[in-house]
Amino acid sequence: MPVPADPTILHPMPEQPRVVLLKPLVKSPLIEVGEYSYYDDPDDPTAFETRNVLYHYGPEKLIIGKFCALGTGVRFIMNGANHRMDGPSTFPFPTMGGSWSEHFDLLKGLPNRGDTVVGNDVWFGHGTTVLPGVRIGHGAIIGTGAVVTGDVSDYGIVGGNPARLVRTRYSEEEIARLLAVAWWDWPAEHITEHVRTIMSGSIADLEAAAPDAPHV
């Protein structure tokens, strides 16, 4: 029987230490990552939690699905980056300490868009930025350098600053079929048997390969 790839290994490509699987890497309880999602960085991919997830003071979460590919420099801006904008100054004086810290109440109740959620099988191009509270659908592609300020639909391709929908990869009917088959939730052994179908087959091929598909 073909053996599935090991989702617990930090460096799935030993000859390429720039690539790390995120699930065995992240330690923060505020970050959840599905199996096989990886990050590629020639400098220090193991610093993902501090270099790529910014202003993460909680309590919102960053949730990334399975089988996501994150190019170098992908950054998630979290809600902690918000400043007050209803007064003359946006400077966060209480965070500087001293007697200014007595005014921390001025930093309460800042806008919070909630968790940032990334679906399964999402590809992030080099240097993309995702703003707080964004939800990115399954199978989406985020173009190089894109700044994602709003939600991205399933199988949408977006690019630019702010990111705009370029096109969808499939029709609405086809997307519904892909979401129904949800290959990313198949057992690893079954995925292993059908890698070629998942990568290059048709939607009908994928449906026929599903574990619960009728076989005649």
C-alpha atoms as a PDB file:
ATOM      1  CA  MET A   1       0.000   0.000   0.000  1.00  0.00           C
ATOM      2  CA  PRO A   2       1.287   3.517  -0.793  1.00  0.00           C
ATOM      3  CA  VAL A   3       2.297   5.364   2.381  1.00  0.00           C
ATOM      4  CA  PRO A   4       0.836   8.863   2.984  1.00  0.00           C
ATOM      5  CA  ALA A   5       3.109  11.816   3.705  1.00  0.00           C
ATOM      6  CA  ASP A   6       3.729  12.385   7.417  1.00  0.00           C
ATOM      7  CA  PRO A   7       1.851  15.526   8.609  1.00  0.00           C
ATOM      8  CA  THR A   8       3.836  15.664  11.871  1.00  0.00           C
ATOM      9  CA  ILE A   9       7.259  16.306  10.304  1.00  0.00           C
ATOM     10  CA  LEU A  10       8.385  19.931  10.568  1.00  0.00           C
ATOM     11  CA  HIS A  11      10.472  19.895   7.381  1.00  0.00           C
ATOM     12  CA  PRO A  12       8.714  17.700   4.788  1.00  0.00           C
ATOM     13  CA  MET A  13      11.531  18.344   2.296  1.00  0.00           C
ATOM     14  CA  PRO A  14      14.791  17.734   4.236  1.00  0.00           C
ATOM     15  CA  GLU A  15      16.862  19.235   1.455  1.00  0.00           C
ATOM     16  CA  GLN A  16      14.750  22.427   1.615  1.00  0.00           C
ATOM     17  CA  PRO A  17      14.788  23.727   5.217  1.00  0.00           C
ATOM     18  CA  ARG A  18      12.966  26.839   3.991  1.00  0.00           C
ATOM     19  CA  VAL A  19       9.712  24.813   3.905  1.00  0.00           C
ATOM     20  CA  VAL A  20       7.860  23.973   7.135  1.00  0.00           C
ATOM     21  CA  LEU A  21       4.558  22.319   7.910  1.00  0.00           C
ATOM     22  CA  LEU A  22       2.660  24.728  10.140  1.00  0.00           C
ATOM     23  CA  LYS A  23       0.622  22.316  12.249  1.00  0.00           C
ATOM     24  CA  PRO A  24       3.650  20.826  14.055  1.00  0.00           C
ATOM     25  CA  LEU A  25       5.267  24.286  14.263  1.00  0.00           C
ATOM     26  CA  VAL A  26       2.679  26.570  15.856  1.00  0.00           C
ATOM     27  CA  LYS A  27       2.345  26.643  19.635  1.00  0.00           C
ATOM     28  CA  SER A  28      -0.069  29.522  20.208  1.00  0.00           C
ATOM     29  CA  PRO A  29      -3.560  28.442  21.295  1.00  0.00           C
ATOM     30  CA  LEU A  30      -4.853  31.322  19.188  1.00  0.00           C
ATOM     31  CA  ILE A  31      -3.572  29.795  15.936  1.00  0.00           C
ATOM     32  CA  GLU A  32      -5.113  26.666  14.443  1.00  0.00           C
ATOM     33  CA  VAL A  33      -3.698  25.063  11.298  1.00  0.00           C
ATOM     34  CA  GLY A  34      -4.835  21.950   9.451  1.00  0.00           C
ATOM     35  CA  GLU A  35      -2.591  19.119   8.349  1.00  0.00           C
ATOM     36  CA  TYR A  36      -0.180  19.561   5.426  1.00  0.00           C
ATOM     37  CA  SER A  37      -0.498  23.358   5.222  1.00  0.00           C
ATOM     38  CA  TYR A  38       2.991  24.756   4.723  1.00  0.00           C
ATOM     39  CA  TYR A  39       4.977  27.985   4.721  1.00  0.00           C
ATOM     40  CA  ASP A  40       8.028  28.699   2.533  1.00  0.00           C
ATOM     41  CA  ASP A  41      10.654  31.252   3.600  1.00  0.00           C
ATOM     42  CA  PRO A  42      14.399  31.310   2.817  1.00  0.00           C
ATOM     43  CA  ASP A  43      15.224  33.252   5.999  1.00  0.00           C
ATOM     44  CA  ASP A  44      13.449  31.720   8.993  1.00  0.00           C
ATOM     45  CA  PRO A  45      10.187  29.877   8.327  1.00  0.00           C
ATOM     46  CA  THR A  46      10.128  28.630  11.922  1.00  0.00           C
ATOM     47  CA  ALA A  47       9.471  32.213  13.115  1.00  0.00           C
ATOM     48  CA  PHE A  48       6.057  32.197  11.426  1.00  0.00           C
ATOM     49  CA  GLU A  49       4.117  32.912  14.629  1.00  0.00           C
ATOM     50  CA  THR A  50       6.015  36.128  15.369  1.00  0.00           C
ATOM     51  CA  ARG A  51       7.050  37.344  11.910  1.00  0.00           C
ATOM     52  CA  ASN A  52       3.943  36.493   9.921  1.00  0.00           C
ATOM     53  CA  VAL A  53       1.102  36.771  12.436  1.00  0.00           C
ATOM     54  CA  LEU A  54       1.260  40.377  13.603  1.00  0.00           C
ATOM     55  CA  TYR A  55      -0.384  42.300  16.473  1.00  0.00           C
ATOM     56  CA  HIS A  56      -1.910  39.083  17.778  1.00  0.00           C
ATOM     57  CA  TYR A  57      -2.759  40.120  21.322  1.00  0.00           C
ATOM     58  CA  GLY A  58      -5.980  38.101  21.380  1.00  0.00           C
ATOM     59  CA  PRO A  59      -8.581  36.900  21.878  1.00  0.00           C
ATOM     60  CA  GLU A  60      -9.410  36.446  18.193  1.00  0.00           C
ATOM     61  CA  LYS A  61      -8.001  33.400  16.403  1.00  0.00           C
ATOM     62  CA  LEU A  62      -6.230  32.736  13.150  1.00  0.00           C
ATOM     63  CA  ILE A  63      -7.643  29.553  11.640  1.00  0.00           C
ATOM     64  CA  ILE A  64      -6.024  28.016   8.550  1.00  0.00           C
ATOM     65  CA  GLY A  65      -7.399  24.873   6.909  1.00  0.00           C
ATOM     66  CA  LYS A  66      -5.661  21.837   5.469  1.00  0.00           C
ATOM     67  CA  PHE A  67      -3.473  21.671   2.348  1.00  0.00           C
ATOM     68  CA  CYS A  68      -2.821  25.422   2.171  1.00  0.00           C
ATOM     69  CA  ALA A  69       0.319  26.778   0.485  1.00  0.00           C
ATOM     70  CA  LEU A  70       1.740  30.008   1.936  1.00  0.00           C
ATOM     71  CA  GLY A  71       4.417  31.794  -0.078  1.00  0.00           C
ATOM     72  CA  THR A  72       7.254  33.818   1.422  1.00  0.00           C
ATOM     73  CA  GLY A  73       6.190  36.933   3.302  1.00  0.00           C
ATOM     74  CA  VAL A  74       2.511  36.110   3.739  1.00  0.00           C
ATOM     75  CA  ARG A  75       1.306  38.150   6.695  1.00  0.00           C
ATOM     76  CA  PHE A  76      -1.850  38.109   8.753  1.00  0.00           C
ATOM     77  CA  ILE A  77      -2.660  41.407  10.459  1.00  0.00           C
ATOM     78  CA  MET A  78      -4.726  40.742  13.581  1.00  0.00           C
ATOM     79  CA  ASN A  79      -7.154  42.971  15.481  1.00  0.00           C
ATOM     80  CA  GLY A  80      -4.472  44.173  17.901  1.00  0.00           C
ATOM     81  CA  ALA A  81      -3.298  46.537  15.161  1.00  0.00           C
ATOM     82  CA  ASN A  82      -6.376  48.760  15.624  1.00  0.00           C
ATOM     83  CA  HIS A  83      -6.069  52.293  17.060  1.00  0.00           C
ATOM     84  CA  ARG A  84      -8.682  54.776  18.194  1.00  0.00           C
ATOM     85  CA  MET A  85      -9.749  57.129  15.427  1.00  0.00           C
ATOM     86  CA  ASP A  86     -12.483  59.135  17.173  1.00  0.00           C
ATOM     87  CA  GLY A  87     -10.181  61.702  18.823  1.00  0.00           C
ATOM     88  CA  PRO A  88      -7.508  64.151  17.688  1.00  0.00           C
ATOM     89  CA  SER A  89      -4.704  61.553  18.008  1.00  0.00           C
ATOM     90  CA  THR A  90      -4.503  57.876  17.053  1.00  0.00           C
ATOM     91  CA  PHE A  91      -1.402  57.298  19.250  1.00  0.00           C
ATOM     92  CA  PRO A  92      -1.872  54.525  21.880  1.00  0.00           C
ATOM     93  CA  PHE A  93      -0.446  56.466  24.869  1.00  0.00           C
ATOM     94  CA  PRO A  94      -1.406  53.911  27.582  1.00  0.00           C
ATOM     95  CA  THR A  95       0.769  51.190  26.013  1.00  0.00           C
ATOM     96  CA  MET A  96       3.923  53.268  26.640  1.00  0.00           C
ATOM     97  CA  GLY A  97       3.796  52.798  30.420  1.00  0.00           C
ATOM     98  CA  GLY A  98       4.316  55.232  33.271  1.00  0.00           C
ATOM     99  CA  SER A  99       1.289  57.106  34.466  1.00  0.00           C
ATOM    100  CA  TRP A 100      -0.072  56.891  30.918  1.00  0.00           C
ATOM    101  CA  SER A 101      -0.985  53.267  31.648  1.00  0.00           C
ATOM    102  CA  GLU A 102      -3.730  54.542  33.953  1.00  0.00           C
ATOM    103  CA  HIS A 103      -5.713  55.357  30.837  1.00  0.00           C
ATOM    104  CA  PHE A 104      -5.965  51.836  29.412  1.00  0.00           C
ATOM    105  CA  ASP A 105      -9.736  52.176  29.398  1.00  0.00           C
ATOM    106  CA  LEU A 106      -9.277  54.393  26.341  1.00  0.00           C
ATOM    107  CA  LEU A 107      -8.112  51.329  24.398  1.00  0.00           C
ATOM    108  CA  LYS A 108     -11.109  49.185  25.257  1.00  0.00           C
ATOM    109  CA  GLY A 109     -13.911  48.592  22.819  1.00  0.00           C
ATOM    110  CA  LEU A 110     -11.809  49.044  19.695  1.00  0.00           C
ATOM    111  CA  PRO A 111     -13.279  47.592  16.479  1.00  0.00           C
ATOM    112  CA  ASN A 112     -12.849  43.815  16.381  1.00  0.00           C
ATOM    113  CA  ARG A 113     -13.814  41.856  13.283  1.00  0.00           C
ATOM    114  CA  GLY A 114     -13.367  38.494  14.988  1.00  0.00           C
ATOM    115  CA  ASP A 115     -11.435  35.463  13.841  1.00  0.00           C
ATOM    116  CA  THR A 116      -9.500  35.340  10.580  1.00  0.00           C
ATOM    117  CA  VAL A 117     -10.503  32.108   8.832  1.00  0.00           C
ATOM    118  CA  VAL A 118      -8.832  30.461   5.842  1.00  0.00           C
ATOM    119  CA  GLY A 119     -10.463  27.458   4.180  1.00  0.00           C
ATOM    120  CA  ASN A 120      -8.794  24.364   2.788  1.00  0.00           C
ATOM    121  CA  ASP A 121      -6.583  24.155  -0.322  1.00  0.00           C
ATOM    122  CA  VAL A 122      -5.851  27.904  -0.467  1.00  0.00           C
ATOM    123  CA  TRP A 123      -2.737  29.182  -2.272  1.00  0.00           C
ATOM    124  CA  PHE A 124      -1.174  32.444  -1.075  1.00  0.00           C
ATOM    125  CA  GLY A 125       1.285  34.131  -3.418  1.00  0.00           C
ATOM    126  CA  HIS A 126       4.492  35.865  -2.318  1.00  0.00           C
ATOM    127  CA  GLY A 127       4.069  38.853  -0.024  1.00  0.00           C
ATOM    128  CA  THR A 128       0.319  38.785   0.440  1.00  0.00           C
ATOM    129  CA  THR A 129      -1.300  40.545   3.395  1.00  0.00           C
ATOM    130  CA  VAL A 130      -4.571  39.535   5.049  1.00  0.00           C
ATOM    131  CA  LEU A 131      -6.387  42.054   7.243  1.00  0.00           C
ATOM    132  CA  PRO A 132      -8.285  41.227  10.469  1.00  0.00           C
ATOM    133  CA  GLY A 133     -11.484  39.235  10.389  1.00  0.00           C
ATOM    134  CA  VAL A 134     -11.231  38.205   6.746  1.00  0.00           C
ATOM    135  CA  ARG A 135     -12.687  34.868   5.654  1.00  0.00           C
ATOM    136  CA  ILE A 136     -11.122  33.143   2.671  1.00  0.00           C
ATOM    137  CA  GLY A 137     -13.037  30.304   1.019  1.00  0.00           C
ATOM    138  CA  HIS A 138     -11.886  26.829   0.022  1.00  0.00           C
ATOM    139  CA  GLY A 139      -9.770  26.526  -3.101  1.00  0.00           C
ATOM    140  CA  ALA A 140      -9.087  30.263  -3.370  1.00  0.00           C
ATOM    141  CA  ILE A 141      -5.929  31.759  -4.883  1.00  0.00           C
ATOM    142  CA  ILE A 142      -4.472  34.979  -3.454  1.00  0.00           C
ATOM    143  CA  GLY A 143      -2.254  36.737  -5.991  1.00  0.00           C
ATOM    144  CA  THR A 144       1.292  37.914  -5.271  1.00  0.00           C
ATOM    145  CA  GLY A 145       1.349  41.136  -3.249  1.00  0.00           C
ATOM    146  CA  ALA A 146      -2.411  41.213  -2.744  1.00  0.00           C
ATOM    147  CA  VAL A 147      -3.847  43.043   0.270  1.00  0.00           C
ATOM    148  CA  VAL A 148      -6.985  41.163   1.277  1.00  0.00           C
ATOM    149  CA  THR A 149      -9.378  43.548   3.012  1.00  0.00           C
ATOM    150  CA  GLY A 150     -12.612  41.599   2.528  1.00  0.00           C
ATOM    151  CA  ASP A 151     -13.905  38.059   2.278  1.00  0.00           C
ATOM    152  CA  VAL A 152     -12.886  35.844  -0.641  1.00  0.00           C
ATOM    153  CA  SER A 153     -15.368  33.377  -2.119  1.00  0.00           C
ATOM    154  CA  ASP A 154     -14.739  29.661  -2.563  1.00  0.00           C
ATOM    155  CA  TYR A 155     -12.452  29.039  -5.566  1.00  0.00           C
ATOM    156  CA  GLY A 156     -12.071  32.772  -6.168  1.00  0.00           C
ATOM    157  CA  ILE A 157      -8.870  34.287  -7.552  1.00  0.00           C
ATOM    158  CA  VAL A 158      -8.094  37.739  -6.154  1.00  0.00           C
ATOM    159  CA  GLY A 159      -5.281  40.225  -6.637  1.00  0.00           C
ATOM    160  CA  GLY A 160      -4.304  43.855  -6.115  1.00  0.00           C
ATOM    161  CA  ASN A 161      -4.479  46.407  -3.293  1.00  0.00           C
ATOM    162  CA  PRO A 162      -7.150  46.238  -2.131  1.00  0.00           C
ATOM    163  CA  ALA A 163      -7.658  42.736  -3.489  1.00  0.00           C
ATOM    164  CA  ARG A 164     -10.416  42.381  -6.077  1.00  0.00           C
ATOM    165  CA  LEU A 165     -11.960  39.286  -7.593  1.00  0.00           C
ATOM    166  CA  VAL A 166     -10.210  38.503 -10.869  1.00  0.00           C
ATOM    167  CA  ARG A 167     -12.337  35.468 -11.659  1.00  0.00           C
ATOM    168  CA  THR A 168     -13.623  32.256 -10.144  1.00  0.00           C
ATOM    169  CA  ARG A 169     -11.929  29.002 -11.004  1.00  0.00           C
ATOM    170  CA  TYR A 170     -15.196  27.144 -11.628  1.00  0.00           C
ATOM    171  CA  SER A 171     -18.886  27.799 -12.210  1.00  0.00           C
ATOM    172  CA  GLU A 172     -21.301  27.975  -9.273  1.00  0.00           C
ATOM    173  CA  GLU A 173     -22.572  24.473 -10.046  1.00  0.00           C
ATOM    174  CA  GLU A 174     -19.044  23.089 -10.238  1.00  0.00           C
ATOM    175  CA  ILE A 175     -18.044  24.798  -6.981  1.00  0.00           C
ATOM    176  CA  ALA A 176     -21.038  23.222  -5.242  1.00  0.00           C
ATOM    177  CA  ARG A 177     -19.881  19.811  -6.468  1.00  0.00           C
ATOM    178  CA  LEU A 178     -16.307  20.424  -5.296  1.00  0.00           C
ATOM    179  CA  LEU A 179     -17.490  21.524  -1.866  1.00  0.00           C
ATOM    180  CA  ALA A 180     -19.695  18.457  -1.622  1.00  0.00           C
ATOM    181  CA  VAL A 181     -16.831  16.095  -2.436  1.00  0.00           C
ATOM    182  CA  ALA A 182     -14.501  17.923   0.036  1.00  0.00           C
ATOM    183  CA  TRP A 183     -11.462  15.824  -0.873  1.00  0.00           C
ATOM    184  CA  TRP A 184      -9.401  17.470   1.899  1.00  0.00           C
ATOM    185  CA  ASP A 185     -11.483  15.571   4.455  1.00  0.00           C
ATOM    186  CA  TRP A 186     -10.767  12.173   2.934  1.00  0.00           C
ATOM    187  CA  PRO A 187      -8.596   9.781   4.972  1.00  0.00           C
ATOM    188  CA  ALA A 188      -4.903  10.275   4.185  1.00  0.00           C
ATOM    189  CA  GLU A 189      -4.661   6.747   2.824  1.00  0.00           C
ATOM    190  CA  HIS A 190      -7.484   7.412   0.379  1.00  0.00           C
ATOM    191  CA  ILE A 191      -5.947  10.723  -0.700  1.00  0.00           C
ATOM    192  CA  THR A 192      -2.685   8.858  -1.322  1.00  0.00           C
ATOM    193  CA  GLU A 193      -4.422   6.470  -3.694  1.00  0.00           C
ATOM    194  CA  HIS A 194      -5.957   9.331  -5.674  1.00  0.00           C
ATOM    195  CA  VAL A 195      -3.293  12.071  -5.715  1.00  0.00           C
ATOM    196  CA  ARG A 196      -3.260  12.167  -9.527  1.00  0.00           C
ATOM    197  CA  THR A 197      -7.028  12.595  -9.661  1.00  0.00           C
ATOM    198  CA  ILE A 198      -6.950  15.359  -7.039  1.00  0.00           C
ATOM    199  CA  MET A 199      -4.207  17.228  -8.893  1.00  0.00           C
ATOM    200  CA  SER A 200      -5.185  16.757 -12.520  1.00  0.00           C
ATOM    201  CA  GLY A 201      -8.528  14.951 -12.818  1.00  0.00           C
ATOM    202  CA  SER A 202     -11.949  16.346 -13.654  1.00  0.00           C
ATOM    203  CA  ILE A 203     -14.646  17.050 -11.087  1.00  0.00           C
ATOM    204  CA  ALA A 204     -16.425  13.905 -12.256  1.00  0.00           C
ATOM    205  CA  ASP A 205     -13.226  11.922 -11.696  1.00  0.00           C
ATOM    206  CA  LEU A 206     -12.972  13.370  -8.195  1.00  0.00           C
ATOM    207  CA  GLU A 207     -16.578  12.479  -7.415  1.00  0.00           C
ATOM    208  CA  ALA A 208     -16.021   8.937  -8.664  1.00  0.00           C
ATOM    209  CA  ALA A 209     -12.953   8.588  -6.456  1.00  0.00           C
ATOM    210  CA  ALA A 210     -14.702   9.722  -3.260  1.00  0.00           C
ATOM    211  CA  PRO A 211     -14.717   7.134  -0.461  1.00  0.00           C
ATOM    212  CA  ASP A 212     -18.525   7.038  -0.392  1.00  0.00           C
ATOM    213  CA  ALA A 213     -18.979   6.959  -4.168  1.00  0.00           C
ATOM    214  CA  PRO A 214     -21.017   3.996  -5.484  1.00  0.00           C
ATOM    215  CA  HIS A 215     -18.843   1.455  -7.225  1.00  0.00           C
ATOM    216  CA  VAL A 216     -20.350  -0.854  -9.814  1.00  0.00           C
END
